[in-house]
Amino acid sequence: MRFWLAYSYPSGGRFLLTCRGRERRAAARKVRRARGQHIGRPKALDKSKAGLARRMHSNGESASTIADTLGVSRATVYRMLAEQSDGAN
């Protein structure tokens, strides 16, 4: 009875479905973490491309040139270079 009453209200049914979906997604993330699998969006620059970007930057190439060469945005290049400098300190 309560189940059908919740679905009779427009927001109540949506809330129940949202909660169940959220719980399923959280359980799936937990299983993937346990397996050691990556969760989320893949990195735009893998290790080889990041190394190339660092070498290009050390040779004096601009961020725009690096971004165009690697097919990523300038923001990605700046973020990768900032992470590199944070890790060096």
C-alpha atoms as a PDB file:
ATOM      1  CA  MET A   1       0.000   0.000   0.000  1.00  0.00           C
ATOM      2  CA  ARG A   2       2.699   2.483   0.946  1.00  0.00           C
ATOM      3  CA  PHE A   3       4.635   1.593  -2.171  1.00  0.00           C
ATOM      4  CA  TRP A   4       1.716   2.532  -4.431  1.00  0.00           C
ATOM      5  CA  LEU A   5       0.978   5.671  -2.419  1.00  0.00           C
ATOM      6  CA  ALA A   6       4.522   6.859  -2.929  1.00  0.00           C
ATOM      7  CA  TYR A   7       4.200   6.337  -6.664  1.00  0.00           C
ATOM      8  CA  SER A   8       0.885   8.159  -6.778  1.00  0.00           C
ATOM      9  CA  TYR A   9       2.687  11.422  -5.963  1.00  0.00           C
ATOM     10  CA  PRO A  10       4.843  12.782  -8.761  1.00  0.00           C
ATOM     11  CA  SER A  11       7.893  13.579  -6.669  1.00  0.00           C
ATOM     12  CA  GLY A  12       7.602  10.629  -4.279  1.00  0.00           C
ATOM     13  CA  GLY A  13       8.035   7.954  -6.917  1.00  0.00           C
ATOM     14  CA  ARG A  14      10.910   9.762  -8.555  1.00  0.00           C
ATOM     15  CA  PHE A  15      12.631  10.058  -5.176  1.00  0.00           C
ATOM     16  CA  LEU A  16      12.349   6.322  -4.552  1.00  0.00           C
ATOM     17  CA  LEU A  17      13.682   5.494  -8.003  1.00  0.00           C
ATOM     18  CA  THR A  18      16.537   7.961  -7.600  1.00  0.00           C
ATOM     19  CA  CYS A  19      17.534   6.490  -4.250  1.00  0.00           C
ATOM     20  CA  ARG A  20      17.524   2.955  -5.607  1.00  0.00           C
ATOM     21  CA  GLY A  21      19.566   3.994  -8.632  1.00  0.00           C
ATOM     22  CA  ARG A  22      22.050   5.830  -6.433  1.00  0.00           C
ATOM     23  CA  GLU A  23      22.421   2.768  -4.207  1.00  0.00           C
ATOM     24  CA  ARG A  24      23.009   0.503  -7.218  1.00  0.00           C
ATOM     25  CA  ARG A  25      25.653   2.855  -8.645  1.00  0.00           C
ATOM     26  CA  ALA A  26      27.395   3.098  -5.259  1.00  0.00           C
ATOM     27  CA  ALA A  27      27.446  -0.699  -4.987  1.00  0.00           C
ATOM     28  CA  ALA A  28      28.868  -1.002  -8.504  1.00  0.00           C
ATOM     29  CA  ARG A  29      31.614   1.531  -7.688  1.00  0.00           C
ATOM     30  CA  LYS A  30      32.473  -0.405  -4.529  1.00  0.00           C
ATOM     31  CA  VAL A  31      32.817  -3.654  -6.509  1.00  0.00           C
ATOM     32  CA  ARG A  32      35.031  -1.977  -9.136  1.00  0.00           C
ATOM     33  CA  ARG A  33      37.271  -0.513  -6.413  1.00  0.00           C
ATOM     34  CA  ALA A  34      37.606  -3.959  -4.854  1.00  0.00           C
ATOM     35  CA  ARG A  35      38.685  -5.343  -8.243  1.00  0.00           C
ATOM     36  CA  GLY A  36      41.191  -2.521  -8.644  1.00  0.00           C
ATOM     37  CA  GLN A  37      39.460  -1.098 -11.708  1.00  0.00           C
ATOM     38  CA  HIS A  38      39.514   2.588 -12.617  1.00  0.00           C
ATOM     39  CA  ILE A  39      36.410   4.579 -11.759  1.00  0.00           C
ATOM     40  CA  GLY A  40      35.465   7.709 -13.661  1.00  0.00           C
ATOM     41  CA  ARG A  41      36.520   9.517 -16.776  1.00  0.00           C
ATOM     42  CA  PRO A  42      39.830   8.484 -18.352  1.00  0.00           C
ATOM     43  CA  LYS A  43      42.757  10.912 -18.280  1.00  0.00           C
ATOM     44  CA  ALA A  44      43.248  13.018 -21.397  1.00  0.00           C
ATOM     45  CA  LEU A  45      47.020  12.600 -21.180  1.00  0.00           C
ATOM     46  CA  ASP A  46      48.446   9.160 -20.507  1.00  0.00           C
ATOM     47  CA  LYS A  47      51.973   8.763 -19.145  1.00  0.00           C
ATOM     48  CA  SER A  48      53.687   8.773 -22.537  1.00  0.00           C
ATOM     49  CA  LYS A  49      51.846  11.898 -23.722  1.00  0.00           C
ATOM     50  CA  ALA A  50      52.506  13.621 -20.392  1.00  0.00           C
ATOM     51  CA  GLY A  51      56.206  12.864 -20.741  1.00  0.00           C
ATOM     52  CA  LEU A  52      56.198  14.272 -24.268  1.00  0.00           C
ATOM     53  CA  ALA A  53      54.427  17.400 -23.040  1.00  0.00           C
ATOM     54  CA  ARG A  54      57.025  17.867 -20.280  1.00  0.00           C
ATOM     55  CA  ARG A  55      59.881  17.491 -22.767  1.00  0.00           C
ATOM     56  CA  MET A  56      58.247  19.952 -25.165  1.00  0.00           C
ATOM     57  CA  HIS A  57      57.763  22.439 -22.315  1.00  0.00           C
ATOM     58  CA  SER A  58      61.371  22.097 -21.185  1.00  0.00           C
ATOM     59  CA  ASN A  59      62.459  22.775 -24.793  1.00  0.00           C
ATOM     60  CA  GLY A  60      60.559  26.065 -24.704  1.00  0.00           C
ATOM     61  CA  GLU A  61      57.383  25.142 -26.608  1.00  0.00           C
ATOM     62  CA  SER A  62      54.289  27.131 -25.710  1.00  0.00           C
ATOM     63  CA  ALA A  63      51.269  25.553 -24.055  1.00  0.00           C
ATOM     64  CA  SER A  64      49.208  26.258 -27.174  1.00  0.00           C
ATOM     65  CA  THR A  65      51.663  24.372 -29.364  1.00  0.00           C
ATOM     66  CA  ILE A  66      51.781  21.456 -26.929  1.00  0.00           C
ATOM     67  CA  ALA A  67      47.986  21.346 -26.738  1.00  0.00           C
ATOM     68  CA  ASP A  68      47.590  21.401 -30.529  1.00  0.00           C
ATOM     69  CA  THR A  69      50.211  18.678 -30.975  1.00  0.00           C
ATOM     70  CA  LEU A  70      48.645  16.356 -28.395  1.00  0.00           C
ATOM     71  CA  GLY A  71      45.018  17.150 -29.221  1.00  0.00           C
ATOM     72  CA  VAL A  72      44.067  18.432 -25.776  1.00  0.00           C
ATOM     73  CA  SER A  73      43.125  21.831 -24.381  1.00  0.00           C
ATOM     74  CA  ARG A  74      45.596  24.358 -23.009  1.00  0.00           C
ATOM     75  CA  ALA A  75      43.940  23.970 -19.609  1.00  0.00           C
ATOM     76  CA  THR A  76      44.848  20.275 -19.634  1.00  0.00           C
ATOM     77  CA  VAL A  77      48.456  21.117 -20.445  1.00  0.00           C
ATOM     78  CA  TYR A  78      48.620  23.749 -17.698  1.00  0.00           C
ATOM     79  CA  ARG A  79      47.020  21.333 -15.210  1.00  0.00           C
ATOM     80  CA  MET A  80      49.513  18.587 -16.073  1.00  0.00           C
ATOM     81  CA  LEU A  81      52.460  20.994 -15.751  1.00  0.00           C
ATOM     82  CA  ALA A  82      51.140  22.251 -12.402  1.00  0.00           C
ATOM     83  CA  GLU A  83      50.799  18.675 -11.117  1.00  0.00           C
ATOM     84  CA  GLN A  84      54.361  18.039 -12.249  1.00  0.00           C
ATOM     85  CA  SER A  85      55.690  21.061 -10.386  1.00  0.00           C
ATOM     86  CA  ASP A  86      53.661  20.173  -7.252  1.00  0.00           C
ATOM     87  CA  GLY A  87      55.107  16.675  -7.296  1.00  0.00           C
ATOM     88  CA  ALA A  88      58.657  17.979  -7.678  1.00  0.00           C
ATOM     89  CA  ASN A  89      58.443  20.101  -4.507  1.00  0.00           C
END
